């Protein structure tokens, strides 16, 4: 349920293009960062727009000019922080392409987008809007990149054709989310040691190569 109830006229006005001065990008960013912080501290159920506005140092009216409800605010934050992985560089090999994908995903999950995902996984199970946006913003970019990696590898003759290239994305997301969010580290990494995400990417790479039917250095390939 939306946290704020508005009249039809007000709701219609909110959907109209903004007039006058352009929105302050600095305030937008402050509100999005505050949303992630409050979610981490209080969870979705404990988050209020008043708490977010106070943390960001703005009025609730400023927040409501941007997002009409608590759910809209959280959805907007998820879209902003769970950034698209971007174009996949062609490294010339399956191992190089896959390593780049794993590194990029590790960076995303260890940043604000990952912290947001960690908090919202449970809520998304019974909130359709959040489930949709998390799939679109976090999972789908990996599916697209994984499909590109597989198509290039098949075209080069590195691996046999796959019935569903998107299975690779499921392996990447599922494995990294499990390790980073559900498996507590026995001890913090040493200074200058790879982050948990970097270490996970290195560990996962040879297993994914074997799962795809590619030879690895350990196989003598």
Protein backbone atom coordinates (compact mmCIF):
# COMPACT_ATOMS: atom_id res chain seq x y z
CA UNK A 1 0.00 0.00 0.00
CA UNK A 2 1.31 3.46 -0.86
CA UNK A 3 2.40 5.46 2.15
CA UNK A 4 0.66 8.58 0.92
CA UNK A 5 -2.87 8.92 -0.44
CA UNK A 6 -3.42 11.63 -3.02
CA UNK A 7 -6.43 12.97 -4.89
CA UNK A 8 -6.91 12.12 -8.54
CA UNK A 9 -6.12 15.70 -9.53
CA UNK A 10 -2.90 15.72 -7.57
CA UNK A 11 -1.86 12.31 -8.86
CA UNK A 12 -2.53 13.44 -12.43
CA UNK A 13 -0.48 16.57 -11.88
CA UNK A 14 2.40 14.52 -10.52
CA UNK A 15 2.52 12.55 -13.76
CA UNK A 16 2.77 15.66 -15.92
CA UNK A 17 6.18 16.78 -17.18
CA UNK A 18 7.96 19.00 -14.68
CA UNK A 19 7.86 22.74 -15.37
CA UNK A 20 10.03 25.58 -14.21
CA UNK A 21 13.49 24.96 -12.83
CA UNK A 22 15.05 21.56 -13.59
CA UNK A 23 15.35 19.07 -10.74
CA UNK A 24 18.45 19.28 -8.58
CA UNK A 25 20.54 16.20 -9.39
CA UNK A 26 22.40 16.59 -6.11
CA UNK A 27 19.16 16.28 -4.13
CA UNK A 28 18.13 13.27 -6.20
CA UNK A 29 21.39 11.53 -5.39
CA UNK A 30 21.16 12.44 -1.69
CA UNK A 31 17.66 10.95 -1.51
CA UNK A 32 18.72 7.74 -3.27
CA UNK A 33 21.76 7.31 -1.02
CA UNK A 34 19.62 7.99 2.04
CA UNK A 35 17.12 5.36 0.88
CA UNK A 36 19.83 2.69 0.73
CA UNK A 37 21.11 3.68 4.19
CA UNK A 38 17.66 3.62 5.81
CA UNK A 39 16.83 0.30 4.13
CA UNK A 40 20.01 -1.23 5.52
CA UNK A 41 19.21 0.02 9.02
CA UNK A 42 15.45 -0.56 9.16
CA UNK A 43 14.50 -2.87 6.30
CA UNK A 44 11.68 -2.23 3.86
CA UNK A 45 9.00 -2.49 6.53
CA UNK A 46 10.70 0.08 8.74
CA UNK A 47 11.51 2.55 5.99
CA UNK A 48 9.46 5.75 5.90
CA UNK A 49 9.69 8.64 3.48
CA UNK A 50 10.05 11.00 6.47
CA UNK A 51 13.15 9.11 7.64
CA UNK A 52 14.66 9.19 4.15
CA UNK A 53 13.98 12.92 3.74
CA UNK A 54 15.51 13.67 7.14
CA UNK A 55 18.62 11.60 6.35
CA UNK A 56 18.99 13.39 3.00
CA UNK A 57 18.53 16.81 4.60
CA UNK A 58 15.49 17.75 2.52
CA UNK A 59 11.79 18.21 3.16
CA UNK A 60 9.24 15.46 2.56
CA UNK A 61 7.64 17.78 -0.01
CA UNK A 62 10.90 17.67 -1.98
CA UNK A 63 10.84 13.87 -1.87
CA UNK A 64 7.21 13.67 -2.96
CA UNK A 65 7.88 15.90 -5.96
CA UNK A 66 10.13 13.09 -7.19
CA UNK A 67 8.43 9.91 -5.95
CA UNK A 68 4.75 9.58 -5.06
CA UNK A 69 5.06 6.79 -2.50
CA UNK A 70 7.46 4.68 -0.48
CA UNK A 71 7.30 1.92 -3.08
CA UNK A 72 8.01 4.36 -5.93
CA UNK A 73 11.01 5.65 -4.00
CA UNK A 74 12.47 2.18 -3.44
CA UNK A 75 11.82 1.12 -7.03
CA UNK A 76 13.50 4.30 -8.29
CA UNK A 77 16.46 3.65 -6.03
CA UNK A 78 16.82 0.09 -7.30
CA UNK A 79 16.79 1.26 -10.92
CA UNK A 80 19.39 3.93 -10.18
CA UNK A 81 21.87 1.85 -8.21
CA UNK A 82 21.57 -1.51 -9.97
CA UNK A 83 23.30 -0.09 -13.00
CA UNK A 84 23.47 -1.88 -16.33
CA UNK A 85 26.76 -3.77 -16.70
CA UNK A 86 27.42 -1.93 -19.95
CA UNK A 87 28.83 -3.23 -23.24
CA UNK A 88 30.76 -6.49 -23.13
CA UNK A 89 34.31 -6.10 -24.45
CA UNK A 90 35.35 -8.83 -26.87
CA UNK A 91 38.55 -10.18 -25.31
CA UNK A 92 38.98 -12.82 -28.00
CA UNK A 93 38.43 -15.78 -25.68
CA UNK A 94 35.66 -17.31 -23.63
CA UNK A 95 37.83 -17.20 -20.51
CA UNK A 96 38.54 -13.48 -20.94
CA UNK A 97 34.93 -12.58 -21.70
CA UNK A 98 33.63 -14.58 -18.76
CA UNK A 99 36.25 -13.17 -16.37
CA UNK A 100 35.20 -9.63 -17.36
CA UNK A 101 31.53 -10.45 -16.74
CA UNK A 102 32.30 -11.92 -13.31
CA UNK A 103 34.41 -8.92 -12.30
CA UNK A 104 31.74 -6.46 -13.38
CA UNK A 105 29.02 -8.35 -11.53
CA UNK A 106 31.17 -8.59 -8.40
CA UNK A 107 31.71 -4.80 -8.50
CA UNK A 108 27.96 -4.24 -8.82
CA UNK A 109 27.05 -6.57 -5.97
CA UNK A 110 29.64 -5.04 -3.64
CA UNK A 111 28.35 -1.52 -4.32
CA UNK A 112 25.08 0.25 -3.41
CA UNK A 113 23.12 -1.90 -5.88
CA UNK A 114 24.24 -5.06 -4.12
CA UNK A 115 23.40 -3.69 -0.66
CA UNK A 116 19.98 -2.77 -1.95
CA UNK A 117 19.46 -6.24 -3.41
CA UNK A 118 20.50 -7.83 -0.12
CA UNK A 119 17.82 -5.91 1.78
CA UNK A 120 15.06 -6.37 -0.79
CA UNK A 121 15.41 -10.07 -1.69
CA UNK A 122 12.91 -11.13 0.98
CA UNK A 123 10.50 -8.26 0.30
CA UNK A 124 10.49 -8.99 -3.44
CA UNK A 125 9.07 -12.46 -2.73
CA UNK A 126 5.70 -10.88 -1.97
CA UNK A 127 5.96 -7.49 -3.69
CA UNK A 128 5.45 -7.85 -7.43
CA UNK A 129 6.66 -4.34 -8.30
CA UNK A 130 9.95 -4.82 -6.47
CA UNK A 131 10.40 -8.31 -7.91
CA UNK A 132 9.97 -6.95 -11.44
CA UNK A 133 12.41 -4.09 -11.02
CA UNK A 134 15.07 -6.26 -9.36
CA UNK A 135 14.82 -8.75 -12.22
CA UNK A 136 14.98 -5.99 -14.82
CA UNK A 137 17.77 -3.98 -13.21
CA UNK A 138 19.95 -6.72 -11.72
CA UNK A 139 19.33 -10.06 -13.42
CA UNK A 140 18.45 -9.12 -17.00
CA UNK A 141 21.68 -7.21 -17.75
CA UNK A 142 23.63 -10.32 -16.72
CA UNK A 143 21.42 -12.49 -18.93
CA UNK A 144 22.12 -10.24 -21.90
CA UNK A 145 25.87 -10.21 -21.28
CA UNK A 146 25.96 -13.97 -20.71
CA UNK A 147 24.11 -14.62 -23.96
CA UNK A 148 26.67 -12.50 -25.82
CA UNK A 149 29.56 -14.38 -24.17
CA UNK A 150 28.07 -17.73 -25.16
CA UNK A 151 27.29 -16.70 -28.74
CA UNK A 152 30.87 -15.52 -29.28
CA UNK A 153 32.31 -18.69 -27.77
CA UNK A 154 30.12 -20.90 -29.97
CA UNK A 155 31.05 -18.88 -33.08
CA UNK A 156 34.77 -19.28 -32.26
CA UNK A 157 34.31 -23.01 -31.73
CA UNK A 158 35.34 -22.75 -28.07
CA UNK A 159 32.23 -24.58 -26.83
CA UNK A 160 29.37 -26.58 -28.35
CA UNK A 161 26.03 -24.78 -28.86
CA UNK A 162 23.82 -24.42 -25.79
CA UNK A 163 20.05 -24.88 -25.73
CA UNK A 164 19.68 -21.84 -23.43
CA UNK A 165 22.54 -19.38 -23.10
CA UNK A 166 20.74 -17.65 -20.23
CA UNK A 167 21.53 -20.59 -17.93
CA UNK A 168 25.01 -19.10 -17.63
CA UNK A 169 23.51 -15.92 -16.15
CA UNK A 170 21.59 -17.97 -13.58
CA UNK A 171 24.84 -19.66 -12.54
CA UNK A 172 26.65 -16.33 -12.25
CA UNK A 173 23.95 -14.50 -10.29
CA UNK A 174 22.96 -17.44 -8.11
CA UNK A 175 26.52 -18.35 -7.16
CA UNK A 176 27.64 -14.81 -6.41
CA UNK A 177 24.54 -13.86 -4.45
CA UNK A 178 24.86 -17.05 -2.39
CA UNK A 179 28.52 -16.46 -1.59
CA UNK A 180 28.38 -12.70 -0.98
CA UNK A 181 25.04 -12.44 0.82
CA UNK A 182 24.27 -15.83 2.35
CA UNK A 183 27.70 -17.17 3.32
CA UNK A 184 29.39 -15.14 6.06
CA UNK A 185 33.15 -14.81 5.75
CA UNK A 186 35.14 -16.67 8.38
CA UNK A 187 37.41 -13.64 8.69
CA UNK A 188 37.74 -10.26 6.95
CA UNK A 189 40.14 -10.08 4.00
CA UNK A 190 43.70 -9.07 4.77
CA UNK A 191 44.89 -5.60 3.75
CA UNK A 192 45.43 -5.36 -0.02
CA UNK A 193 43.82 -8.79 -0.45
CA UNK A 194 41.16 -9.22 -3.17
CA UNK A 195 37.63 -8.29 -2.13
CA UNK A 196 35.11 -11.06 -1.52
CA UNK A 197 33.66 -10.41 -4.96
CA UNK A 198 37.04 -10.56 -6.70
CA UNK A 199 37.94 -13.77 -4.90
CA UNK A 200 34.58 -15.26 -5.78
CA UNK A 201 35.03 -14.37 -9.45
CA UNK A 202 38.40 -16.10 -9.54
CA UNK A 203 37.07 -19.22 -7.85
CA UNK A 204 33.97 -19.41 -10.01
CA UNK A 205 35.67 -18.92 -13.40
CA UNK A 206 37.17 -22.43 -13.90
CA UNK A 207 33.96 -24.15 -12.79
CA UNK A 208 31.86 -22.13 -15.24
CA UNK A 209 34.29 -22.87 -18.05
CA UNK A 210 33.99 -26.60 -17.38
CA UNK A 211 30.19 -26.34 -17.12
CA UNK A 212 30.13 -24.73 -20.57
CA UNK A 213 32.29 -27.51 -22.02
CA UNK A 214 35.45 -25.43 -22.45
CA UNK A 215 38.94 -26.67 -21.70
CA UNK A 216 40.95 -24.89 -19.01
CA UNK A 217 44.64 -24.60 -18.20
CA UNK A 218 44.16 -27.29 -15.54
CA UNK A 219 42.80 -29.63 -18.24
CA UNK A 220 45.86 -29.04 -20.38
CA UNK A 221 43.83 -27.00 -22.87
